[in-house]
N, C-alpha and C. Protein backbone atom coordinates (compact mmCIF):
# COMPACT_ATOMS: atom_id res chain seq x y z
N MET A 1 -6.26 -13.65 3.49
CA MET A 1 -6.65 -13.75 5.10
C MET A 1 -8.30 -13.99 4.78
N SER A 2 -8.93 -13.40 3.83
CA SER A 2 -10.30 -12.82 4.14
C SER A 2 -11.33 -13.93 4.23
N CYS A 3 -10.57 -14.64 3.46
CA CYS A 3 -11.32 -16.60 3.37
C CYS A 3 -11.21 -17.17 4.54
N PHE A 4 -10.77 -16.80 5.52
CA PHE A 4 -10.01 -17.64 6.29
C PHE A 4 -11.29 -18.06 7.47
N ASN A 5 -11.94 -19.42 7.48
CA ASN A 5 -12.38 -19.61 8.09
C ASN A 5 -12.09 -20.44 9.58
N PRO A 6 -12.03 -20.30 10.50
CA PRO A 6 -11.41 -21.02 11.15
C PRO A 6 -12.21 -22.26 12.03
N ALA A 7 -13.64 -22.34 11.49
CA ALA A 7 -14.51 -23.72 11.77
C ALA A 7 -14.26 -24.87 10.72
N VAL A 8 -13.51 -24.46 9.40
CA VAL A 8 -13.20 -25.10 8.44
C VAL A 8 -11.55 -26.00 8.17
N MET A 9 -10.98 -24.13 8.27
CA MET A 9 -9.45 -24.21 8.05
C MET A 9 -8.51 -24.83 9.36
N SER A 10 -7.52 -25.01 9.33
CA SER A 10 -6.41 -25.26 10.27
C SER A 10 -6.29 -23.83 10.73
N ARG A 11 -6.03 -23.84 12.00
CA ARG A 11 -5.32 -22.68 12.07
C ARG A 11 -3.81 -22.36 12.15
N TYR A 12 -2.92 -23.55 11.69
CA TYR A 12 -1.68 -22.99 10.96
C TYR A 12 -2.04 -22.47 9.49
N PHE A 13 -2.77 -22.38 9.05
CA PHE A 13 -2.47 -21.23 7.66
C PHE A 13 -2.38 -20.05 8.03
N ILE A 14 -2.55 -19.43 9.26
CA ILE A 14 -2.00 -18.32 9.62
C ILE A 14 -0.58 -18.27 9.65
N LEU A 15 -0.19 -19.20 9.95
CA LEU A 15 1.32 -19.39 10.37
C LEU A 15 2.13 -19.43 9.17
N ILE A 16 1.28 -19.77 8.10
CA ILE A 16 1.93 -19.93 6.57
C ILE A 16 1.85 -18.55 5.86
N ALA A 17 0.49 -18.03 6.27
CA ALA A 17 0.27 -16.63 5.48
C ALA A 17 0.54 -15.29 6.06
N ALA A 18 0.40 -15.31 7.30
CA ALA A 18 1.39 -14.02 8.08
C ALA A 18 3.02 -13.83 7.73
N PRO A 19 3.79 -14.60 7.47
CA PRO A 19 5.03 -14.23 7.02
C PRO A 19 4.88 -14.00 5.53
N ILE A 20 4.24 -14.66 4.77
CA ILE A 20 4.27 -14.05 3.14
C ILE A 20 3.20 -12.18 3.00
N GLY A 21 2.65 -11.94 3.98
CA GLY A 21 2.01 -10.93 4.68
C GLY A 21 3.36 -9.77 4.69
N GLY A 22 4.20 -10.37 5.49
CA GLY A 22 5.25 -9.56 6.38
C GLY A 22 6.12 -9.28 5.42
N ALA A 23 6.40 -10.34 4.59
CA ALA A 23 7.24 -10.45 3.35
C ALA A 23 7.26 -9.25 2.54
N GLY A 24 5.77 -9.06 2.16
CA GLY A 24 4.95 -8.10 1.13
C GLY A 24 5.29 -6.79 1.62
N VAL A 25 5.24 -6.13 2.78
CA VAL A 25 5.05 -5.61 4.05
C VAL A 25 6.48 -4.91 3.85
N GLY A 26 7.34 -5.92 3.29
CA GLY A 26 9.08 -5.36 3.89
C GLY A 26 9.39 -4.86 2.84
N LEU A 27 8.66 -5.60 1.41
CA LEU A 27 9.06 -5.56 -0.13
C LEU A 27 8.63 -3.94 -0.30
N ASN A 28 7.18 -3.92 0.19
CA ASN A 28 6.81 -2.49 -0.52
C ASN A 28 7.50 -1.54 0.44
N LEU A 29 8.01 -1.25 1.78
CA LEU A 29 8.71 -0.48 2.43
C LEU A 29 9.96 -0.17 1.39
N LEU A 30 10.57 -1.01 1.11
CA LEU A 30 11.79 -1.22 0.90
C LEU A 30 11.93 -0.26 -0.62
N LEU A 31 11.11 -1.21 -1.44
CA LEU A 31 10.78 -0.26 -2.95
C LEU A 31 10.47 0.91 -3.13
N PHE A 32 9.37 1.58 -2.13
CA PHE A 32 8.80 2.88 -2.01
C PHE A 32 9.95 3.75 -1.25
N ASN A 33 10.67 3.41 -0.47
CA ASN A 33 11.61 4.16 -0.35
C ASN A 33 12.97 4.60 -0.98
N TYR A 34 13.21 3.14 -1.57
CA TYR A 34 14.20 3.32 -3.25
C TYR A 34 13.78 3.92 -4.02
N ILE A 35 12.25 3.88 -4.83
CA ILE A 35 12.02 4.78 -6.05
C ILE A 35 11.53 6.21 -5.54
N VAL A 36 11.52 6.47 -4.30
CA VAL A 36 11.87 7.68 -4.13
C VAL A 36 12.89 8.28 -3.58
N GLN A 37 13.82 7.90 -3.34
CA GLN A 37 15.38 8.33 -3.02
C GLN A 37 15.39 8.80 -4.34
N LYS A 38 15.19 7.92 -6.00
CA LYS A 38 16.02 7.39 -6.94
C LYS A 38 15.12 8.42 -8.01
N TYR A 39 13.98 8.86 -7.57
CA TYR A 39 13.09 9.74 -8.73
C TYR A 39 12.80 11.24 -8.04
N SER A 40 13.07 11.39 -7.14
CA SER A 40 13.48 12.72 -6.52
C SER A 40 14.20 13.86 -6.88
N ASP A 41 14.14 14.57 -6.80
CA ASP A 41 15.50 15.71 -6.82
C ASP A 41 16.37 15.16 -5.75
N LYS A 42 17.73 15.98 -5.56
CA LYS A 42 18.19 15.91 -4.22
C LYS A 42 17.96 16.46 -3.14
N GLU A 43 17.51 18.48 -4.29
CA GLU A 43 17.27 19.15 -3.28
C GLU A 43 15.89 19.59 -2.74
N HIS A 44 15.13 18.66 -3.28
CA HIS A 44 13.91 18.69 -2.77
C HIS A 44 13.43 17.48 -1.89
N LEU A 45 14.34 16.38 -1.79
CA LEU A 45 14.10 15.20 -1.14
C LEU A 45 12.98 15.59 0.09
N GLY A 46 13.53 16.10 0.97
CA GLY A 46 13.16 16.62 2.07
C GLY A 46 11.95 16.81 2.15
N LYS A 47 11.37 18.12 1.11
CA LYS A 47 10.12 18.27 1.11
C LYS A 47 9.05 17.28 0.61
N VAL A 48 9.82 16.38 -0.20
CA VAL A 48 9.05 14.87 -0.80
C VAL A 48 8.97 13.93 0.54
N TYR A 49 9.58 13.61 0.96
CA TYR A 49 9.41 12.94 2.28
C TYR A 49 8.23 13.69 3.34
N GLY A 50 8.53 15.01 3.39
CA GLY A 50 7.72 15.76 4.27
C GLY A 50 6.33 15.46 3.90
N PHE A 51 5.98 15.48 2.59
CA PHE A 51 4.85 15.20 2.33
C PHE A 51 4.03 13.64 2.56
N ILE A 52 5.13 12.86 2.34
CA ILE A 52 4.66 11.67 2.31
C ILE A 52 4.57 11.44 3.50
N ASN A 53 4.93 11.82 4.17
CA ASN A 53 4.75 11.47 5.65
C ASN A 53 3.41 12.20 6.13
N THR A 54 3.19 13.55 5.62
CA THR A 54 1.80 14.20 5.81
C THR A 54 0.93 13.07 5.76
N LEU A 55 0.78 12.62 4.86
CA LEU A 55 -0.16 11.50 3.35
C LEU A 55 -0.04 10.54 4.80
N THR A 56 1.03 9.91 4.99
CA THR A 56 1.11 8.23 5.46
C THR A 56 0.25 9.01 7.06
N SER A 57 0.38 10.19 7.86
CA SER A 57 -0.18 10.01 9.21
C SER A 57 -1.71 10.14 8.99
N ALA A 58 -2.15 10.87 7.82
CA ALA A 58 -3.89 11.09 7.62
C ALA A 58 -4.51 9.57 7.14
N VAL A 59 -3.74 8.74 6.51
CA VAL A 59 -4.52 7.96 6.20
C VAL A 59 -4.27 6.60 7.57
N LEU A 60 -3.06 6.96 8.69
CA LEU A 60 -3.26 6.00 9.53
C LEU A 60 -4.52 6.37 10.10
N LEU A 61 -4.50 7.81 10.92
CA LEU A 61 -5.52 8.36 11.36
C LEU A 61 -6.62 8.16 11.13
N THR A 62 -6.98 8.08 9.54
CA THR A 62 -8.99 7.79 9.10
C THR A 62 -8.92 6.58 9.04
N ALA A 63 -7.82 5.35 7.85
CA ALA A 63 -8.05 4.76 7.78
C ALA A 63 -8.71 3.46 9.49
N PRO A 64 -8.50 3.00 10.22
CA PRO A 64 -8.95 2.02 11.07
C PRO A 64 -10.33 3.28 11.64
N LEU A 65 -10.96 4.67 11.62
CA LEU A 65 -12.01 4.54 11.82
C LEU A 65 -13.33 4.62 10.55
N LEU A 66 -12.63 4.58 9.33
CA LEU A 66 -13.00 3.92 7.95
C LEU A 66 -13.32 2.88 8.21
N GLY A 67 -12.47 2.17 8.36
CA GLY A 67 -12.18 0.24 8.17
C GLY A 67 -13.42 0.12 9.29
N GLY A 68 -13.47 0.35 10.30
CA GLY A 68 -14.61 -0.09 11.28
C GLY A 68 -16.03 0.42 10.81
N ILE A 69 -15.88 1.41 10.18
CA ILE A 69 -17.84 2.14 9.99
C ILE A 69 -17.82 0.91 9.04
N ILE A 70 -16.90 0.55 7.61
CA ILE A 70 -17.10 -0.34 6.55
C ILE A 70 -17.33 -1.81 7.40
N GLY A 71 -16.54 -2.23 7.74
CA GLY A 71 -16.72 -3.20 8.32
C GLY A 71 -18.13 -3.61 9.14
N LYS A 72 -18.43 -2.34 9.58
CA LYS A 72 -19.35 -3.45 10.57
C LYS A 72 -20.94 -2.79 9.65
N LEU A 73 -20.66 -2.07 8.48
CA LEU A 73 -21.75 -1.94 7.99
C LEU A 73 -21.57 -3.27 6.49
N ALA A 74 -20.38 -3.47 6.31
CA ALA A 74 -20.57 -4.77 4.68
C ALA A 74 -20.22 -6.18 5.02
N GLY A 75 -19.77 -5.76 6.70
CA GLY A 75 -19.22 -7.03 7.28
C GLY A 75 -17.59 -7.14 7.18
N ALA A 76 -16.91 -7.99 7.85
CA ALA A 76 -15.35 -8.13 7.75
C ALA A 76 -15.07 -8.82 6.65
N GLN A 77 -15.39 -9.72 6.13
CA GLN A 77 -14.82 -10.52 5.16
C GLN A 77 -15.37 -9.75 3.71
N ALA A 78 -16.69 -9.59 3.68
CA ALA A 78 -16.71 -8.61 2.27
C ALA A 78 -15.33 -7.33 2.48
N THR A 79 -15.30 -6.64 3.42
CA THR A 79 -14.92 -5.14 3.53
C THR A 79 -13.19 -5.99 3.03
N PHE A 80 -12.43 -7.28 4.01
CA PHE A 80 -11.16 -7.43 3.92
C PHE A 80 -10.85 -7.85 2.02
N LEU A 81 -11.81 -8.09 1.70
CA LEU A 81 -12.33 -9.37 0.52
C LEU A 81 -12.15 -8.23 -0.84
N THR A 82 -12.84 -6.88 -0.57
CA THR A 82 -12.69 -6.00 -1.16
C THR A 82 -11.51 -4.92 -1.11
N ALA A 83 -11.28 -4.81 -0.26
CA ALA A 83 -9.56 -3.95 -0.23
C ALA A 83 -8.56 -4.84 -0.93
N ALA A 84 -8.44 -5.87 -0.63
CA ALA A 84 -7.48 -7.16 -1.54
C ALA A 84 -7.99 -6.97 -2.82
N MET A 85 -9.01 -6.66 -3.61
CA MET A 85 -9.08 -6.94 -5.03
C MET A 85 -8.93 -5.11 -5.41
N ILE A 86 -9.11 -4.17 -4.54
CA ILE A 86 -8.51 -2.92 -4.95
C ILE A 86 -7.03 -2.49 -4.84
N VAL A 87 -6.49 -3.45 -4.10
CA VAL A 87 -5.13 -3.45 -3.74
C VAL A 87 -4.37 -3.92 -5.10
N VAL A 88 -4.88 -5.28 -5.37
CA VAL A 88 -4.68 -6.19 -6.58
C VAL A 88 -4.48 -5.10 -7.72
N SER A 89 -5.79 -4.83 -8.09
CA SER A 89 -5.79 -4.21 -9.35
C SER A 89 -5.44 -2.75 -9.73
N VAL A 90 -4.82 -1.94 -8.24
CA VAL A 90 -4.01 -1.13 -8.25
C VAL A 90 -2.37 -1.58 -8.61
N GLY A 91 -2.50 -2.61 -8.11
CA GLY A 91 -1.10 -3.38 -8.60
C GLY A 91 -1.16 -3.66 -9.66
N PHE A 92 -1.67 -4.01 -10.23
CA PHE A 92 -1.67 -4.35 -11.98
C PHE A 92 -1.41 -3.61 -13.06
N VAL A 93 -2.28 -2.12 -12.70
CA VAL A 93 -2.33 -0.79 -13.18
C VAL A 93 -0.90 -0.41 -13.32
N SER A 94 -0.23 -0.31 -12.00
CA SER A 94 0.91 0.06 -12.24
C SER A 94 2.02 -0.49 -12.90
N LEU A 95 1.46 -1.72 -13.19
CA LEU A 95 2.56 -2.36 -13.53
C LEU A 95 2.91 -2.54 -15.14
N LEU A 96 1.40 -2.48 -15.29
CA LEU A 96 1.37 -2.50 -16.90
C LEU A 96 1.78 -0.59 -17.32
N MET A 97 1.67 0.44 -16.40
CA MET A 97 1.72 1.79 -16.89
C MET A 97 3.47 1.87 -17.34
N PRO A 98 3.62 2.33 -18.62
CA PRO A 98 5.24 2.43 -18.96
C PRO A 98 6.01 3.72 -18.16
N LEU A 99 7.26 3.07 -17.65
CA LEU A 99 7.79 4.08 -16.93
C LEU A 99 8.42 5.46 -18.17
N GLY A 100 9.00 5.04 -19.30
CA GLY A 100 8.94 5.66 -19.76
C GLY A 100 10.49 6.22 -19.90
N ASN A 101 11.10 7.58 -20.22
CA ASN A 101 12.46 8.34 -20.06
C ASN A 101 12.13 9.38 -18.71
N LYS A 102 13.34 9.47 -17.82
CA LYS A 102 13.37 9.92 -16.61
C LYS A 102 13.46 11.06 -17.04
N ALA A 103 14.09 12.21 -18.19
CA ALA A 103 14.30 13.08 -18.00
C ALA A 103 12.67 13.87 -18.60
N GLU A 104 12.25 12.69 -18.60
CA GLU A 104 9.96 13.53 -19.41
C GLU A 104 9.63 13.75 -17.64
N ARG A 105 10.32 12.81 -16.90
CA ARG A 105 9.45 12.77 -16.04
C ARG A 105 9.92 13.69 -14.48
N ASN A 106 10.60 14.11 -14.68
CA ASN A 106 10.88 14.62 -13.85
C ASN A 106 11.12 16.27 -14.34
N ILE A 107 10.12 16.97 -13.37
CA ILE A 107 9.19 18.49 -13.66
C ILE A 107 10.00 19.28 -13.14
N GLN A 108 10.97 20.70 -13.23
CA GLN A 108 10.92 21.41 -12.62
C GLN A 108 9.97 22.42 -12.43
N ILE A 109 9.51 22.57 -11.05
CA ILE A 109 8.77 23.44 -10.74
C ILE A 109 9.12 24.41 -9.38
N ASP A 110 9.57 25.68 -9.95
CA ASP A 110 9.58 26.42 -8.90
C ASP A 110 8.59 27.10 -7.90
N ALA A 111 9.03 27.01 -6.28
CA ALA A 111 7.87 27.34 -5.38
C ALA A 111 8.55 28.66 -4.61
């Protein structure tokens, strides 16, 4: 989407790209909630969701401010392209990481 130029491309390109982006967001939410419920202890599930909601709220408050500042300094196209490259890089790294054994990942912490 960062390469979209309305002077050169048709406006119908957005109608094609928007459902793809929406499907990606939907799959992200679905898989994220599945992973949190599957790999969290049942006793600590509420704490995990509370922590996740706190981080999500913080990101939703700070992201527009930082995005506006960075967009003003670097330009909108460069900002979106850099953000897309970071997201793709993190996605590829997470795909390459081995999952291992579930018993090794679950560490009991007494708080």
